């Protein structure tokens, strides 16, 4: 039954998949999509280019349900996702994307991804940051490690006293899958 499927949103760099910075993490994004599909997850992205396209491609090629939640002017949907056109601006679209997910994975990312990271946290969504992917994902990992902020007794890090959905750091796609399994199991 589809209603009980676990939904994973992937956020990260937008842009040309053959140009910096997306090209540097292209294999990670594609492999993540493949593995999410193999594990039976429904994959949600912003439906456009960059990380969104690569994750959608990997997931789609392995048979996953892939939804691309787009803003009012998507600039073109990836052919590997079913478009959910929100008619909303970019930030509000991100709210729909993140609220629809059971967990969120971040790969690199510029300012829009930073906003989505903090939105996911405020919505109390478990958030997995893939290390060494650059951008705001690695910046936040650096802050967490430097400040040793709000460790949450094995349930990830927190950015404040509310101890949101938990922030987890993964060093590989395999580790992302292991963390997702733990989240699903309620560990």
Protein backbone atom coordinates (compact mmCIF):
# COMPACT_ATOMS: atom_id res chain seq x y z
CA UNK A 1 0.00 0.00 0.00
CA UNK A 2 1.42 3.39 -0.97
CA UNK A 3 0.07 5.28 2.02
CA UNK A 4 2.44 3.48 4.38
CA UNK A 5 5.56 3.99 2.25
CA UNK A 6 8.36 6.06 3.78
CA UNK A 7 9.02 9.28 1.85
CA UNK A 8 12.53 10.72 1.60
CA UNK A 9 13.11 14.25 0.31
CA UNK A 10 16.53 15.04 -1.14
CA UNK A 11 17.71 18.64 -1.23
CA UNK A 12 20.91 20.16 -2.60
CA UNK A 13 22.57 22.04 -5.38
CA UNK A 14 20.57 23.19 -8.38
CA UNK A 15 22.28 23.79 -11.71
CA UNK A 16 23.90 22.12 -14.68
CA UNK A 17 24.82 18.53 -13.83
CA UNK A 18 28.04 18.87 -15.86
CA UNK A 19 29.28 22.02 -14.12
CA UNK A 20 30.69 22.92 -10.71
CA UNK A 21 29.49 22.36 -8.03
CA UNK A 22 26.96 19.71 -9.10
CA UNK A 23 29.42 17.67 -11.17
CA UNK A 24 31.58 17.14 -8.05
CA UNK A 25 28.77 15.28 -6.25
CA UNK A 26 26.94 13.85 -9.27
CA UNK A 27 27.86 10.23 -8.55
CA UNK A 28 26.78 10.52 -4.91
CA UNK A 29 23.42 12.01 -5.94
CA UNK A 30 22.77 9.37 -8.60
CA UNK A 31 23.81 6.50 -6.31
CA UNK A 32 21.61 7.86 -3.52
CA UNK A 33 18.63 7.80 -5.88
CA UNK A 34 19.40 4.21 -6.86
CA UNK A 35 19.74 3.05 -3.26
CA UNK A 36 16.58 4.83 -2.10
CA UNK A 37 14.71 3.00 -4.85
CA UNK A 38 16.26 -0.36 -3.95
CA UNK A 39 15.11 0.14 -0.36
CA UNK A 40 11.55 0.90 -1.52
CA UNK A 41 11.36 4.57 -0.53
CA UNK A 42 9.23 7.15 -2.31
CA UNK A 43 11.63 9.89 -3.44
CA UNK A 44 10.73 13.59 -3.30
CA UNK A 45 12.79 16.39 -4.81
CA UNK A 46 12.28 19.93 -6.02
CA UNK A 47 11.85 18.40 -9.47
CA UNK A 48 14.33 20.52 -11.35
CA UNK A 49 17.99 20.27 -12.40
CA UNK A 50 21.19 19.54 -10.46
CA UNK A 51 20.97 17.17 -7.50
CA UNK A 52 17.19 16.93 -7.97
CA UNK A 53 17.63 15.58 -11.52
CA UNK A 54 20.40 13.13 -10.64
CA UNK A 55 18.63 11.66 -7.61
CA UNK A 56 15.39 11.41 -9.60
CA UNK A 57 17.19 9.69 -12.47
CA UNK A 58 18.81 7.08 -10.24
CA UNK A 59 15.59 6.41 -8.34
CA UNK A 60 13.44 6.28 -11.47
CA UNK A 61 15.79 3.92 -13.29
CA UNK A 62 15.52 1.53 -10.33
CA UNK A 63 11.72 1.70 -10.29
CA UNK A 64 10.96 4.11 -7.43
CA UNK A 65 8.04 6.48 -7.29
CA UNK A 66 9.65 9.90 -7.78
CA UNK A 67 7.77 13.14 -7.18
CA UNK A 68 9.12 16.55 -8.19
CA UNK A 69 7.52 19.30 -6.12
CA UNK A 70 7.94 22.42 -8.25
CA UNK A 71 7.33 26.15 -7.72
CA UNK A 72 5.15 28.34 -9.92
CA UNK A 73 7.90 28.63 -12.51
CA UNK A 74 9.78 25.38 -12.40
CA UNK A 75 12.17 26.19 -15.23
CA UNK A 76 11.65 22.67 -16.52
CA UNK A 77 10.86 19.48 -14.71
CA UNK A 78 13.30 16.57 -14.76
CA UNK A 79 11.90 13.82 -17.01
CA UNK A 80 12.49 11.32 -14.19
CA UNK A 81 9.80 12.63 -11.81
CA UNK A 82 6.07 13.13 -11.73
CA UNK A 83 5.55 16.87 -11.34
CA UNK A 84 3.58 18.20 -8.40
CA UNK A 85 3.17 21.84 -9.45
CA UNK A 86 2.42 23.88 -6.35
CA UNK A 87 1.84 27.27 -7.96
CA UNK A 88 3.84 28.69 -5.04
CA UNK A 89 7.09 30.63 -4.89
CA UNK A 90 10.34 28.78 -4.23
CA UNK A 91 10.32 29.06 -0.42
CA UNK A 92 6.68 28.09 -0.05
CA UNK A 93 7.21 25.19 -2.46
CA UNK A 94 10.00 24.02 -0.17
CA UNK A 95 7.51 23.96 2.70
CA UNK A 96 5.26 21.61 0.74
CA UNK A 97 8.22 19.41 -0.22
CA UNK A 98 9.57 19.15 3.32
CA UNK A 99 6.23 18.72 5.06
CA UNK A 100 5.47 15.84 2.71
CA UNK A 101 8.63 13.94 3.69
CA UNK A 102 9.29 11.54 6.54
CA UNK A 103 13.03 12.32 6.39
CA UNK A 104 15.30 14.72 4.48
CA UNK A 105 18.77 14.17 2.98
CA UNK A 106 21.02 17.12 2.06
CA UNK A 107 23.80 17.07 -0.54
CA UNK A 108 25.87 20.28 -0.71
CA UNK A 109 23.68 23.23 -1.50
CA UNK A 110 23.62 26.99 -1.81
CA UNK A 111 21.35 29.52 -0.07
CA UNK A 112 18.10 27.77 -1.05
CA UNK A 113 19.35 24.53 0.46
CA UNK A 114 20.34 26.35 3.66
CA UNK A 115 16.78 27.60 3.96
CA UNK A 116 15.45 24.08 3.36
CA UNK A 117 17.81 22.61 5.98
CA UNK A 118 16.51 25.00 8.62
CA UNK A 119 12.90 24.50 7.49
CA UNK A 120 13.28 20.72 7.76
CA UNK A 121 14.68 21.16 11.26
CA UNK A 122 11.87 23.49 12.30
CA UNK A 123 9.32 20.99 10.92
CA UNK A 124 11.00 18.35 13.12
CA UNK A 125 12.00 16.18 10.18
CA UNK A 126 14.99 13.88 10.63
CA UNK A 127 17.76 15.42 8.55
CA UNK A 128 20.76 13.56 7.15
CA UNK A 129 23.72 15.63 5.99
CA UNK A 130 26.11 13.90 3.57
CA UNK A 131 29.62 14.97 4.50
CA UNK A 132 32.16 16.18 1.93
CA UNK A 133 29.49 17.34 -0.52
CA UNK A 134 30.27 21.02 0.02
CA UNK A 135 28.01 24.02 0.39
CA UNK A 136 25.71 24.51 3.34
CA UNK A 137 25.66 20.81 4.14
CA UNK A 138 29.36 20.83 5.02
CA UNK A 139 29.14 24.26 6.65
CA UNK A 140 26.52 22.98 9.06
CA UNK A 141 28.54 19.83 9.76
CA UNK A 142 31.53 22.04 10.62
CA UNK A 143 29.43 24.10 13.00
CA UNK A 144 28.01 20.99 14.66
CA UNK A 145 31.47 19.50 15.17
CA UNK A 146 33.07 22.77 16.27
CA UNK A 147 30.37 23.73 18.70
CA UNK A 148 29.42 20.21 19.80
CA UNK A 149 25.88 21.51 19.85
CA UNK A 150 22.98 19.78 21.44
CA UNK A 151 23.82 16.11 21.04
CA UNK A 152 20.51 14.30 21.43
CA UNK A 153 21.34 10.98 23.13
CA UNK A 154 21.89 8.94 19.98
CA UNK A 155 19.03 10.57 18.10
CA UNK A 156 21.15 13.01 16.14
CA UNK A 157 22.16 16.58 16.79
CA UNK A 158 19.86 19.51 17.45
CA UNK A 159 20.29 23.14 16.55
CA UNK A 160 18.54 24.44 19.64
CA UNK A 161 16.93 23.41 22.89
CA UNK A 162 13.83 22.03 21.13
CA UNK A 163 15.77 19.07 19.81
CA UNK A 164 13.89 18.88 16.50
CA UNK A 165 13.78 15.78 14.34
CA UNK A 166 17.47 15.09 14.76
CA UNK A 167 20.39 15.91 12.50
CA UNK A 168 22.58 13.00 11.43
CA UNK A 169 25.91 13.05 9.61
CA UNK A 170 26.62 10.42 6.95
CA UNK A 171 29.92 9.85 5.17
CA UNK A 172 28.52 7.66 2.38
CA UNK A 173 25.33 6.63 0.62
CA UNK A 174 25.43 3.31 2.50
CA UNK A 175 25.51 5.21 5.78
CA UNK A 176 22.52 7.31 4.68
CA UNK A 177 20.56 4.09 4.11
CA UNK A 178 21.60 2.74 7.52
CA UNK A 179 20.50 5.97 9.22
CA UNK A 180 17.17 5.89 7.39
CA UNK A 181 16.62 2.31 8.57
CA UNK A 182 17.32 3.42 12.16
CA UNK A 183 14.92 6.34 11.82
CA UNK A 184 12.20 4.07 10.50
CA UNK A 185 12.79 1.62 13.32
CA UNK A 186 12.49 4.45 15.84
CA UNK A 187 16.00 3.94 17.15
